[in-house]
């Protein structure tokens, strides 16, 4: 929802097709796998703040804050965008594990 380089919000859900639990008679069915939410808030024409979080049925969870900047170009063909973020991530299994995370990416628009 929102413009690609302006204020926007993305929500992604995934579902997995797997065997049910013993109490369900071992039937195959779709089950929720994970949800990820990402928001982008423009700070100026070349820089946006990114907020991202997610978690899954298998016990993983993360949250991060970062920036997305135009390395070259103006948003059209040939634009290179670099997102960088810091946050925390971990697993909710016993024993729980949590720690820092650093993300870095490159987006090229063709």
PDB file of N, CA and C in Angstrom:
ATOM      1  N   UNK A   1       0.848  -1.151   0.000  1.00  0.00           N
ATOM      2  CA  UNK A   1       0.000   0.000   0.000  1.00  0.00           C
ATOM      3  C   UNK A   1       0.906   1.230   0.000  1.00  0.00           C
ATOM      4  N   UNK A   2       0.690   2.145  -0.917  1.00  0.00           N
ATOM      5  CA  UNK A   2       1.497   3.355  -1.006  1.00  0.00           C
ATOM      6  C   UNK A   2       2.389   3.328  -2.227  1.00  0.00           C
ATOM      7  N   UNK A   3       3.127   4.408  -2.434  1.00  0.00           N
ATOM      8  CA  UNK A   3       3.996   4.496  -3.604  1.00  0.00           C
ATOM      9  C   UNK A   3       5.291   3.729  -3.366  1.00  0.00           C
ATOM     10  N   UNK A   4       5.932   3.318  -4.455  1.00  0.00           N
ATOM     11  CA  UNK A   4       7.120   2.477  -4.348  1.00  0.00           C
ATOM     12  C   UNK A   4       8.268   3.192  -3.624  1.00  0.00           C
ATOM     13  N   UNK A   5       8.411   4.503  -3.823  1.00  0.00           N
ATOM     14  CA  UNK A   5       9.506   5.236  -3.185  1.00  0.00           C
ATOM     15  C   UNK A   5       9.030   6.240  -2.147  1.00  0.00           C
ATOM     16  N   UNK A   6       7.738   6.289  -1.880  1.00  0.00           N
ATOM     17  CA  UNK A   6       7.210   7.211  -0.886  1.00  0.00           C
ATOM     18  C   UNK A   6       6.793   6.475   0.366  1.00  0.00           C
ATOM     19  N   UNK A   7       5.833   7.037   1.052  1.00  0.00           N
ATOM     20  CA  UNK A   7       5.277   6.413   2.238  1.00  0.00           C
ATOM     21  C   UNK A   7       4.565   5.125   1.833  1.00  0.00           C
ATOM     22  N   UNK A   8       4.966   3.987   2.371  1.00  0.00           N
ATOM     23  CA  UNK A   8       4.299   2.730   2.014  1.00  0.00           C
ATOM     24  C   UNK A   8       4.371   1.716   3.139  1.00  0.00           C
ATOM     25  N   UNK A   9       3.527   0.709   3.002  1.00  0.00           N
ATOM     26  CA  UNK A   9       3.436  -0.379   3.966  1.00  0.00           C
ATOM     27  C   UNK A   9       3.260  -1.682   3.197  1.00  0.00           C
ATOM     28  N   UNK A  10       4.084  -2.673   3.508  1.00  0.00           N
ATOM     29  CA  UNK A  10       3.984  -4.003   2.907  1.00  0.00           C
ATOM     30  C   UNK A  10       3.712  -5.017   4.008  1.00  0.00           C
ATOM     31  N   UNK A  11       2.786  -5.919   3.748  1.00  0.00           N
ATOM     32  CA  UNK A  11       2.511  -7.021   4.665  1.00  0.00           C
ATOM     33  C   UNK A  11       2.552  -8.295   3.846  1.00  0.00           C
ATOM     34  N   UNK A  12       3.404  -9.235   4.233  1.00  0.00           N
ATOM     35  CA  UNK A  12       3.528 -10.509   3.526  1.00  0.00           C
ATOM     36  C   UNK A  12       3.240 -11.650   4.477  1.00  0.00           C
ATOM     37  N   UNK A  13       2.355 -12.518   4.058  1.00  0.00           N
ATOM     38  CA  UNK A  13       2.053 -13.739   4.807  1.00  0.00           C
ATOM     39  C   UNK A  13       2.486 -14.928   3.967  1.00  0.00           C
ATOM     40  N   UNK A  14       2.973 -15.942   4.617  1.00  0.00           N
ATOM     41  CA  UNK A  14       3.286 -17.178   3.899  1.00  0.00           C
ATOM     42  C   UNK A  14       2.543 -18.332   4.569  1.00  0.00           C
ATOM     43  N   UNK A  15       2.183 -19.280   3.751  1.00  0.00           N
ATOM     44  CA  UNK A  15       1.505 -20.480   4.224  1.00  0.00           C
ATOM     45  C   UNK A  15       2.257 -21.677   3.696  1.00  0.00           C
ATOM     46  N   UNK A  16       2.313 -22.727   4.472  1.00  0.00           N
ATOM     47  CA  UNK A  16       3.019 -23.943   4.070  1.00  0.00           C
ATOM     48  C   UNK A  16       2.038 -25.103   4.008  1.00  0.00           C
ATOM     49  N   UNK A  17       2.308 -25.993   3.090  1.00  0.00           N
ATOM     50  CA  UNK A  17       1.490 -27.191   2.922  1.00  0.00           C
ATOM     51  C   UNK A  17       2.231 -28.324   3.597  1.00  0.00           C
ATOM     52  N   UNK A  18       1.692 -28.808   4.701  1.00  0.00           N
ATOM     53  CA  UNK A  18       2.408 -29.843   5.440  1.00  0.00           C
ATOM     54  C   UNK A  18       1.429 -30.777   6.140  1.00  0.00           C
ATOM     55  N   UNK A  19       1.999 -31.843   6.651  1.00  0.00           N
ATOM     56  CA  UNK A  19       1.217 -32.854   7.343  1.00  0.00           C
ATOM     57  C   UNK A  19       0.735 -32.318   8.677  1.00  0.00           C
ATOM     58  N   UNK A  20      -0.515 -32.610   9.014  1.00  0.00           N
ATOM     59  CA  UNK A  20      -1.097 -32.167  10.275  1.00  0.00           C
ATOM     60  C   UNK A  20      -0.511 -32.923  11.456  1.00  0.00           C
ATOM     61  N   UNK A  21      -0.906 -32.529  12.640  1.00  0.00           N
ATOM     62  CA  UNK A  21      -0.413 -33.195  13.843  1.00  0.00           C
ATOM     63  C   UNK A  21      -1.107 -34.550  14.010  1.00  0.00           C
ATOM     64  N   UNK A  22      -0.622 -35.336  14.926  1.00  0.00           N
ATOM     65  CA  UNK A  22      -1.173 -36.674  15.155  1.00  0.00           C
ATOM     66  C   UNK A  22      -2.658 -36.592  15.493  1.00  0.00           C
ATOM     67  N   UNK A  23      -3.048 -35.586  16.274  1.00  0.00           N
ATOM     68  CA  UNK A  23      -4.450 -35.425  16.650  1.00  0.00           C
ATOM     69  C   UNK A  23      -5.356 -35.108  15.464  1.00  0.00           C
ATOM     70  N   UNK A  24      -4.762 -34.632  14.362  1.00  0.00           N
ATOM     71  CA  UNK A  24      -5.541 -34.309  13.166  1.00  0.00           C
ATOM     72  C   UNK A  24      -5.568 -35.471  12.183  1.00  0.00           C
ATOM     73  N   UNK A  25      -5.070 -36.610  12.578  1.00  0.00           N
ATOM     74  CA  UNK A  25      -5.083 -37.787  11.717  1.00  0.00           C
ATOM     75  C   UNK A  25      -4.055 -37.776  10.606  1.00  0.00           C
ATOM     76  N   UNK A  26      -3.062 -36.893  10.681  1.00  0.00           N
ATOM     77  CA  UNK A  26      -2.004 -36.865   9.685  1.00  0.00           C
ATOM     78  C   UNK A  26      -2.433 -36.307   8.341  1.00  0.00           C
ATOM     79  N   UNK A  27      -3.502 -35.557   8.274  1.00  0.00           N
ATOM     80  CA  UNK A  27      -3.959 -34.976   7.012  1.00  0.00           C
ATOM     81  C   UNK A  27      -3.003 -33.888   6.539  1.00  0.00           C
ATOM     82  N   UNK A  28      -2.881 -33.757   5.209  1.00  0.00           N
ATOM     83  CA  UNK A  28      -2.092 -32.681   4.633  1.00  0.00           C
ATOM     84  C   UNK A  28      -2.984 -31.451   4.543  1.00  0.00           C
ATOM     85  N   UNK A  29      -2.456 -30.295   4.937  1.00  0.00           N
ATOM     86  CA  UNK A  29      -3.238 -29.079   4.842  1.00  0.00           C
ATOM     87  C   UNK A  29      -2.333 -27.848   4.849  1.00  0.00           C
ATOM     88  N   UNK A  30      -2.913 -26.707   4.505  1.00  0.00           N
ATOM     89  CA  UNK A  30      -2.186 -25.449   4.547  1.00  0.00           C
ATOM     90  C   UNK A  30      -2.236 -24.891   5.967  1.00  0.00           C
ATOM     91  N   UNK A  31      -1.087 -24.401   6.409  1.00  0.00           N
ATOM     92  CA  UNK A  31      -0.993 -23.794   7.731  1.00  0.00           C
ATOM     93  C   UNK A  31      -0.203 -22.500   7.616  1.00  0.00           C
ATOM     94  N   UNK A  32      -0.495 -21.556   8.521  1.00  0.00           N
ATOM     95  CA  UNK A  32       0.233 -20.297   8.535  1.00  0.00           C
ATOM     96  C   UNK A  32       1.710 -20.568   8.772  1.00  0.00           C
ATOM     97  N   UNK A  33       2.566 -19.888   8.003  1.00  0.00           N
ATOM     98  CA  UNK A  33       4.003 -20.057   8.156  1.00  0.00           C
ATOM     99  C   UNK A  33       4.668 -18.854   8.802  1.00  0.00           C
ATOM    100  N   UNK A  34       4.418 -17.654   8.260  1.00  0.00           N
ATOM    101  CA  UNK A  34       5.046 -16.458   8.817  1.00  0.00           C
ATOM    102  C   UNK A  34       4.350 -15.197   8.310  1.00  0.00           C
ATOM    103  N   UNK A  35       4.621 -14.098   8.995  1.00  0.00           N
ATOM    104  CA  UNK A  35       4.155 -12.777   8.592  1.00  0.00           C
ATOM    105  C   UNK A  35       5.315 -11.810   8.709  1.00  0.00           C
ATOM    106  N   UNK A  36       5.475 -10.966   7.693  1.00  0.00           N
ATOM    107  CA  UNK A  36       6.487  -9.924   7.714  1.00  0.00           C
ATOM    108  C   UNK A  36       5.818  -8.598   7.370  1.00  0.00           C
ATOM    109  N   UNK A  37       6.194  -7.537   8.080  1.00  0.00           N
ATOM    110  CA  UNK A  37       5.638  -6.204   7.868  1.00  0.00           C
ATOM    111  C   UNK A  37       6.800  -5.241   7.663  1.00  0.00           C
ATOM    112  N   UNK A  38       6.676  -4.418   6.615  1.00  0.00           N
ATOM    113  CA  UNK A  38       7.728  -3.448   6.317  1.00  0.00           C
ATOM    114  C   UNK A  38       7.097  -2.108   5.989  1.00  0.00           C
ATOM    115  N   UNK A  39       7.586  -1.059   6.617  1.00  0.00           N
ATOM    116  CA  UNK A  39       7.115   0.289   6.349  1.00  0.00           C
ATOM    117  C   UNK A  39       8.264   1.168   5.920  1.00  0.00           C
ATOM    118  N   UNK A  40       7.981   2.121   5.044  1.00  0.00           N
ATOM    119  CA  UNK A  40       8.989   3.045   4.559  1.00  0.00           C
ATOM    120  C   UNK A  40       8.450   4.465   4.697  1.00  0.00           C
ATOM    121  N   UNK A  41       9.243   5.339   5.300  1.00  0.00           N
ATOM    122  CA  UNK A  41       8.853   6.731   5.508  1.00  0.00           C
ATOM    123  C   UNK A  41       9.905   7.615   4.838  1.00  0.00           C
ATOM    124  N   UNK A  42       9.524   8.360   3.785  1.00  0.00           N
ATOM    125  CA  UNK A  42      10.512   9.208   3.112  1.00  0.00           C
ATOM    126  C   UNK A  42      10.968  10.367   4.006  1.00  0.00           C
ATOM    127  N   UNK A  43      12.290  10.585   4.038  1.00  0.00           N
ATOM    128  CA  UNK A  43      12.855  11.699   4.796  1.00  0.00           C
ATOM    129  C   UNK A  43      13.203  12.860   3.870  1.00  0.00           C
ATOM    130  N   UNK A  44      13.618  12.543   2.642  1.00  0.00           N
ATOM    131  CA  UNK A  44      13.815  13.518   1.574  1.00  0.00           C
ATOM    132  C   UNK A  44      13.752  12.758   0.245  1.00  0.00           C
ATOM    133  N   UNK A  45      14.110  13.379  -0.861  1.00  0.00           N
ATOM    134  CA  UNK A  45      13.956  12.739  -2.175  1.00  0.00           C
ATOM    135  C   UNK A  45      14.841  11.504  -2.357  1.00  0.00           C
ATOM    136  N   UNK A  46      15.938  11.397  -1.633  1.00  0.00           N
ATOM    137  CA  UNK A  46      16.880  10.301  -1.832  1.00  0.00           C
ATOM    138  C   UNK A  46      17.055   9.399  -0.618  1.00  0.00           C
ATOM    139  N   UNK A  47      16.312   9.642   0.450  1.00  0.00           N
ATOM    140  CA  UNK A  47      16.527   8.897   1.687  1.00  0.00           C
ATOM    141  C   UNK A  47      15.191   8.575   2.357  1.00  0.00           C
ATOM    142  N   UNK A  48      15.029   7.312   2.771  1.00  0.00           N
ATOM    143  CA  UNK A  48      13.827   6.878   3.486  1.00  0.00           C
ATOM    144  C   UNK A  48      14.221   6.087   4.727  1.00  0.00           C
ATOM    145  N   UNK A  49      13.392   6.176   5.762  1.00  0.00           N
ATOM    146  CA  UNK A  49      13.570   5.353   6.948  1.00  0.00           C
ATOM    147  C   UNK A  49      12.753   4.082   6.752  1.00  0.00           C
ATOM    148  N   UNK A  50      13.319   2.939   7.140  1.00  0.00           N
ATOM    149  CA  UNK A  50      12.653   1.645   6.994  1.00  0.00           C
ATOM    150  C   UNK A  50      12.432   1.047   8.379  1.00  0.00           C
ATOM    151  N   UNK A  51      11.232   0.544   8.611  1.00  0.00           N
ATOM    152  CA  UNK A  51      10.903  -0.198   9.827  1.00  0.00           C
ATOM    153  C   UNK A  51      10.410  -1.560   9.381  1.00  0.00           C
ATOM    154  N   UNK A  52      10.962  -2.623   9.936  1.00  0.00           N
ATOM    155  CA  UNK A  52      10.616  -3.968   9.482  1.00  0.00           C
ATOM    156  C   UNK A  52      10.553  -4.920  10.670  1.00  0.00           C
ATOM    157  N   UNK A  53       9.596  -5.856  10.604  1.00  0.00           N
ATOM    158  CA  UNK A  53       9.450  -6.851  11.661  1.00  0.00           C
ATOM    159  C   UNK A  53       8.798  -8.102  11.081  1.00  0.00           C
ATOM    160  N   UNK A  54       9.033  -9.224  11.713  1.00  0.00           N
ATOM    161  CA  UNK A  54       8.428 -10.455  11.238  1.00  0.00           C
ATOM    162  C   UNK A  54       8.564 -11.572  12.248  1.00  0.00           C
ATOM    163  N   UNK A  55       7.827 -12.623  11.991  1.00  0.00           N
ATOM    164  CA  UNK A  55       7.883 -13.794  12.846  1.00  0.00           C
ATOM    165  C   UNK A  55       7.227 -14.969  12.160  1.00  0.00           C
ATOM    166  N   UNK A  56       7.570 -16.151  12.618  1.00  0.00           N
ATOM    167  CA  UNK A  56       7.043 -17.342  11.976  1.00  0.00           C
ATOM    168  C   UNK A  56       6.600 -18.404  12.947  1.00  0.00           C
ATOM    169  N   UNK A  57       5.852 -19.358  12.390  1.00  0.00           N
ATOM    170  CA  UNK A  57       5.315 -20.479  13.152  1.00  0.00           C
ATOM    171  C   UNK A  57       6.423 -21.358  13.727  1.00  0.00           C
ATOM    172  N   UNK A  58       7.584 -21.342  13.102  1.00  0.00           N
ATOM    173  CA  UNK A  58       8.681 -22.174  13.591  1.00  0.00           C
ATOM    174  C   UNK A  58       9.495 -21.498  14.692  1.00  0.00           C
ATOM    175  N   UNK A  59       9.039 -20.327  15.182  1.00  0.00           N
ATOM    176  CA  UNK A  59       9.662 -19.728  16.352  1.00  0.00           C
ATOM    177  C   UNK A  59      10.610 -18.579  16.102  1.00  0.00           C
ATOM    178  N   UNK A  60      10.854 -18.184  14.857  1.00  0.00           N
ATOM    179  CA  UNK A  60      11.769 -17.075  14.625  1.00  0.00           C
ATOM    180  C   UNK A  60      11.029 -15.746  14.690  1.00  0.00           C
ATOM    181  N   UNK A  61      11.758 -14.698  15.057  1.00  0.00           N
ATOM    182  CA  UNK A  61      11.185 -13.357  15.168  1.00  0.00           C
ATOM    183  C   UNK A  61      12.319 -12.342  14.978  1.00  0.00           C
ATOM    184  N   UNK A  62      12.002 -11.196  14.381  1.00  0.00           N
ATOM    185  CA  UNK A  62      13.009 -10.153  14.232  1.00  0.00           C
ATOM    186  C   UNK A  62      12.348  -8.783  14.124  1.00  0.00           C
ATOM    187  N   UNK A  63      13.120  -7.750  14.352  1.00  0.00           N
ATOM    188  CA  UNK A  63      12.694  -6.374  14.181  1.00  0.00           C
ATOM    189  C   UNK A  63      13.905  -5.535  13.855  1.00  0.00           C
ATOM    190  N   UNK A  64      13.733  -4.577  12.953  1.00  0.00           N
ATOM    191  CA  UNK A  64      14.875  -3.735  12.596  1.00  0.00           C
ATOM    192  C   UNK A  64      14.420  -2.354  12.159  1.00  0.00           C
ATOM    193  N   UNK A  65      15.342  -1.421  12.213  1.00  0.00           N
ATOM    194  CA  UNK A  65      15.145  -0.067  11.728  1.00  0.00           C
ATOM    195  C   UNK A  65      16.356   0.252  10.850  1.00  0.00           C
ATOM    196  N   UNK A  66      16.121   1.007   9.783  1.00  0.00           N
ATOM    197  CA  UNK A  66      17.227   1.305   8.893  1.00  0.00           C
ATOM    198  C   UNK A  66      16.906   2.439   7.948  1.00  0.00           C
ATOM    199  N   UNK A  67      17.776   2.599   6.957  1.00  0.00           N
ATOM    200  CA  UNK A  67      17.592   3.613   5.934  1.00  0.00           C
ATOM    201  C   UNK A  67      17.709   2.977   4.560  1.00  0.00           C
ATOM    202  N   UNK A  68      17.096   3.625   3.580  1.00  0.00           N
ATOM    203  CA  UNK A  68      17.190   3.211   2.179  1.00  0.00           C
ATOM    204  C   UNK A  68      17.570   4.468   1.411  1.00  0.00           C
ATOM    205  N   UNK A  69      18.678   4.423   0.685  1.00  0.00           N
ATOM    206  CA  UNK A  69      19.150   5.599  -0.027  1.00  0.00           C
ATOM    207  C   UNK A  69      19.436   5.283  -1.494  1.00  0.00           C
ATOM    208  N   UNK A  70      19.237   6.280  -2.334  1.00  0.00           N
ATOM    209  CA  UNK A  70      19.589   6.165  -3.748  1.00  0.00           C
ATOM    210  C   UNK A  70      21.100   6.298  -3.853  1.00  0.00           C
ATOM    211  N   UNK A  71      21.757   5.248  -4.304  1.00  0.00           N
ATOM    212  CA  UNK A  71      23.201   5.286  -4.518  1.00  0.00           C
ATOM    213  C   UNK A  71      23.484   5.991  -5.836  1.00  0.00           C
ATOM    214  N   UNK A  72      22.642   5.706  -6.848  1.00  0.00           N
ATOM    215  CA  UNK A  72      22.726   6.397  -8.135  1.00  0.00           C
ATOM    216  C   UNK A  72      21.356   6.345  -8.802  1.00  0.00           C
ATOM    217  N   UNK A  73      21.076   7.300  -9.673  1.00  0.00           N
ATOM    218  CA  UNK A  73      19.808   7.344 -10.392  1.00  0.00           C
ATOM    219  C   UNK A  73      18.769   8.170  -9.658  1.00  0.00           C
ATOM    220  N   UNK A  74      17.574   8.232 -10.273  1.00  0.00           N
ATOM    221  CA  UNK A  74      16.508   9.055  -9.710  1.00  0.00           C
ATOM    222  C   UNK A  74      15.209   8.274  -9.471  1.00  0.00           C
ATOM    223  N   UNK A  75      15.286   6.955  -9.452  1.00  0.00           N
ATOM    224  CA  UNK A  75      14.111   6.127  -9.205  1.00  0.00           C
ATOM    225  C   UNK A  75      13.651   5.350 -10.422  1.00  0.00           C
ATOM    226  N   UNK A  76      14.088   5.755 -11.588  1.00  0.00           N
ATOM    227  CA  UNK A  76      13.711   5.062 -12.821  1.00  0.00           C
ATOM    228  C   UNK A  76      14.706   3.978 -13.194  1.00  0.00           C
ATOM    229  N   UNK A  77      14.769   3.664 -14.502  1.00  0.00           N
ATOM    230  CA  UNK A  77      15.724   2.658 -14.990  1.00  0.00           C
ATOM    231  C   UNK A  77      17.150   3.016 -14.624  1.00  0.00           C
ATOM    232  N   UNK A  78      17.892   2.000 -14.219  1.00  0.00           N
ATOM    233  CA  UNK A  78      19.293   2.186 -13.878  1.00  0.00           C
ATOM    234  C   UNK A  78      19.551   2.688 -12.466  1.00  0.00           C
ATOM    235  N   UNK A  79      18.523   2.856 -11.674  1.00  0.00           N
ATOM    236  CA  UNK A  79      18.687   3.334 -10.305  1.00  0.00           C
ATOM    237  C   UNK A  79      19.217   2.215  -9.411  1.00  0.00           C
ATOM    238  N   UNK A  80      20.174   2.540  -8.576  1.00  0.00           N
ATOM    239  CA  UNK A  80      20.719   1.614  -7.585  1.00  0.00           C
ATOM    240  C   UNK A  80      20.341   2.157  -6.209  1.00  0.00           C
ATOM    241  N   UNK A  81      19.637   1.332  -5.433  1.00  0.00           N
ATOM    242  CA  UNK A  81      19.189   1.710  -4.095  1.00  0.00           C
ATOM    243  C   UNK A  81      19.847   0.779  -3.088  1.00  0.00           C
ATOM    244  N   UNK A  82      20.354   1.352  -1.996  1.00  0.00           N
ATOM    245  CA  UNK A  82      21.046   0.565  -0.969  1.00  0.00           C
ATOM    246  C   UNK A  82      20.304   0.708   0.366  1.00  0.00           C
ATOM    247  N   UNK A  83      19.678  -0.383   0.854  1.00  0.00           N
ATOM    248  CA  UNK A  83      19.088  -0.364   2.189  1.00  0.00           C
ATOM    249  C   UNK A  83      20.060  -0.957   3.220  1.00  0.00           C
ATOM    250  N   UNK A  84      20.132  -0.313   4.384  1.00  0.00           N
ATOM    251  CA  UNK A  84      20.989  -0.774   5.481  1.00  0.00           C
ATOM    252  C   UNK A  84      20.162  -0.707   6.761  1.00  0.00           C
ATOM    253  N   UNK A  85      20.225  -1.750   7.588  1.00  0.00           N
ATOM    254  CA  UNK A  85      19.439  -1.748   8.819  1.00  0.00           C
ATOM    255  C   UNK A  85      20.135  -2.449   9.966  1.00  0.00           C
ATOM    256  N   UNK A  86      19.724  -2.100  11.178  1.00  0.00           N
ATOM    257  CA  UNK A  86      20.190  -2.777  12.383  1.00  0.00           C
ATOM    258  C   UNK A  86      18.968  -3.168  13.198  1.00  0.00           C
ATOM    259  N   UNK A  87      19.103  -4.214  13.977  1.00  0.00           N
ATOM    260  CA  UNK A  87      17.970  -4.649  14.771  1.00  0.00           C
ATOM    261  C   UNK A  87      18.330  -5.800  15.673  1.00  0.00           C
ATOM    262  N   UNK A  88      17.310  -6.591  15.965  1.00  0.00           N
ATOM    263  CA  UNK A  88      17.475  -7.743  16.836  1.00  0.00           C
ATOM    264  C   UNK A  88      16.646  -8.891  16.269  1.00  0.00           C
ATOM    265  N   UNK A  89      17.153 -10.085  16.409  1.00  0.00           N
ATOM    266  CA  UNK A  89      16.439 -11.259  15.924  1.00  0.00           C
ATOM    267  C   UNK A  89      16.710 -12.449  16.810  1.00  0.00           C
ATOM    268  N   UNK A  90      15.877 -13.452  16.689  1.00  0.00           N
ATOM    269  CA  UNK A  90      16.103 -14.621  17.507  1.00  0.00           C
ATOM    270  C   UNK A  90      15.070 -15.697  17.306  1.00  0.00           C
ATOM    271  N   UNK A  91      15.159 -16.686  18.166  1.00  0.00           N
ATOM    272  CA  UNK A  91      14.261 -17.833  18.145  1.00  0.00           C
ATOM    273  C   UNK A  91      13.584 -17.964  19.489  1.00  0.00           C
ATOM    274  N   UNK A  92      12.321 -18.320  19.474  1.00  0.00           N
ATOM    275  CA  UNK A  92      11.547 -18.440  20.704  1.00  0.00           C
ATOM    276  C   UNK A  92      11.561 -19.850  21.270  1.00  0.00           C
ATOM    277  N   UNK A  93      12.318 -20.737  20.674  1.00  0.00           N
ATOM    278  CA  UNK A  93      12.399 -22.113  21.162  1.00  0.00           C
ATOM    279  C   UNK A  93      13.116 -22.137  22.507  1.00  0.00           C
ATOM    280  N   UNK A  94      13.014 -23.230  23.227  1.00  0.00           N
ATOM    281  CA  UNK A  94      13.682 -23.364  24.515  1.00  0.00           C
ATOM    282  C   UNK A  94      14.994 -24.093  24.290  1.00  0.00           C
ATOM    283  N   UNK A  95      16.145 -23.563  24.638  1.00  0.00           N
ATOM    284  CA  UNK A  95      16.328 -22.238  25.215  1.00  0.00           C
ATOM    285  C   UNK A  95      16.223 -21.171  24.130  1.00  0.00           C
ATOM    286  N   UNK A  96      15.631 -20.038  24.472  1.00  0.00           N
ATOM    287  CA  UNK A  96      15.470 -18.931  23.527  1.00  0.00           C
ATOM    288  C   UNK A  96      16.833 -18.327  23.201  1.00  0.00           C
ATOM    289  N   UNK A  97      16.996 -17.907  21.972  1.00  0.00           N
ATOM    290  CA  UNK A  97      18.240 -17.271  21.544  1.00  0.00           C
ATOM    291  C   UNK A  97      17.886 -15.948  20.876  1.00  0.00           C
ATOM    292  N   UNK A  98      18.569 -14.893  21.258  1.00  0.00           N
ATOM    293  CA  UNK A  98      18.313 -13.585  20.691  1.00  0.00           C
ATOM    294  C   UNK A  98      19.633 -12.862  20.516  1.00  0.00           C
ATOM    295  N   UNK A  99      19.728 -12.036  19.492  1.00  0.00           N
ATOM    296  CA  UNK A  99      20.969 -11.322  19.263  1.00  0.00           C
ATOM    297  C   UNK A  99      20.810 -10.225  18.241  1.00  0.00           C
ATOM    298  N   UNK A 100      21.883  -9.465  18.035  1.00  0.00           N
ATOM    299  CA  UNK A 100      21.827  -8.351  17.094  1.00  0.00           C
ATOM    300  C   UNK A 100      21.807  -8.842  15.651  1.00  0.00           C
ATOM    301  N   UNK A 101      21.279  -7.994  14.759  1.00  0.00           N
ATOM    302  CA  UNK A 101      21.334  -8.315  13.341  1.00  0.00           C
ATOM    303  C   UNK A 101      21.688  -7.063  12.565  1.00  0.00           C
ATOM    304  N   UNK A 102      22.327  -7.267  11.441  1.00  0.00           N
ATOM    305  CA  UNK A 102      22.713  -6.207  10.524  1.00  0.00           C
ATOM    306  C   UNK A 102      22.263  -6.639   9.143  1.00  0.00           C
ATOM    307  N   UNK A 103      21.551  -5.778   8.438  1.00  0.00           N
ATOM    308  CA  UNK A 103      21.105  -6.127   7.089  1.00  0.00           C
ATOM    309  C   UNK A 103      21.656  -5.111   6.099  1.00  0.00           C
ATOM    310  N   UNK A 104      21.927  -5.599   4.904  1.00  0.00           N
ATOM    311  CA  UNK A 104      22.474  -4.783   3.832  1.00  0.00           C
ATOM    312  C   UNK A 104      21.977  -5.367   2.525  1.00  0.00           C
ATOM    313  N   UNK A 105      21.591  -4.535   1.606  1.00  0.00           N
ATOM    314  CA  UNK A 105      21.117  -5.041   0.323  1.00  0.00           C
ATOM    315  C   UNK A 105      21.403  -4.064  -0.801  1.00  0.00           C
ATOM    316  N   UNK A 106      21.157  -4.518  -2.006  1.00  0.00           N
ATOM    317  CA  UNK A 106      21.291  -3.682  -3.196  1.00  0.00           C
ATOM    318  C   UNK A 106      20.093  -3.954  -4.087  1.00  0.00           C
ATOM    319  N   UNK A 107      19.431  -2.912  -4.515  1.00  0.00           N
ATOM    320  CA  UNK A 107      18.284  -3.025  -5.433  1.00  0.00           C
ATOM    321  C   UNK A 107      18.648  -2.289  -6.712  1.00  0.00           C
ATOM    322  N   UNK A 108      18.498  -2.973  -7.846  1.00  0.00           N
ATOM    323  CA  UNK A 108      18.766  -2.357  -9.155  1.00  0.00           C
ATOM    324  C   UNK A 108      17.491  -2.354  -9.962  1.00  0.00           C
ATOM    325  N   UNK A 109      17.112  -1.231 -10.492  1.00  0.00           N
ATOM    326  CA  UNK A 109      15.886  -1.128 -11.299  1.00  0.00           C
ATOM    327  C   UNK A 109      16.240  -1.161 -12.771  1.00  0.00           C
ATOM    328  N   UNK A 110      15.707  -2.148 -13.446  1.00  0.00           N
ATOM    329  CA  UNK A 110      15.993  -2.327 -14.874  1.00  0.00           C
ATOM    330  C   UNK A 110      14.833  -1.867 -15.722  1.00  0.00           C
TER     331      UNK A 110
END
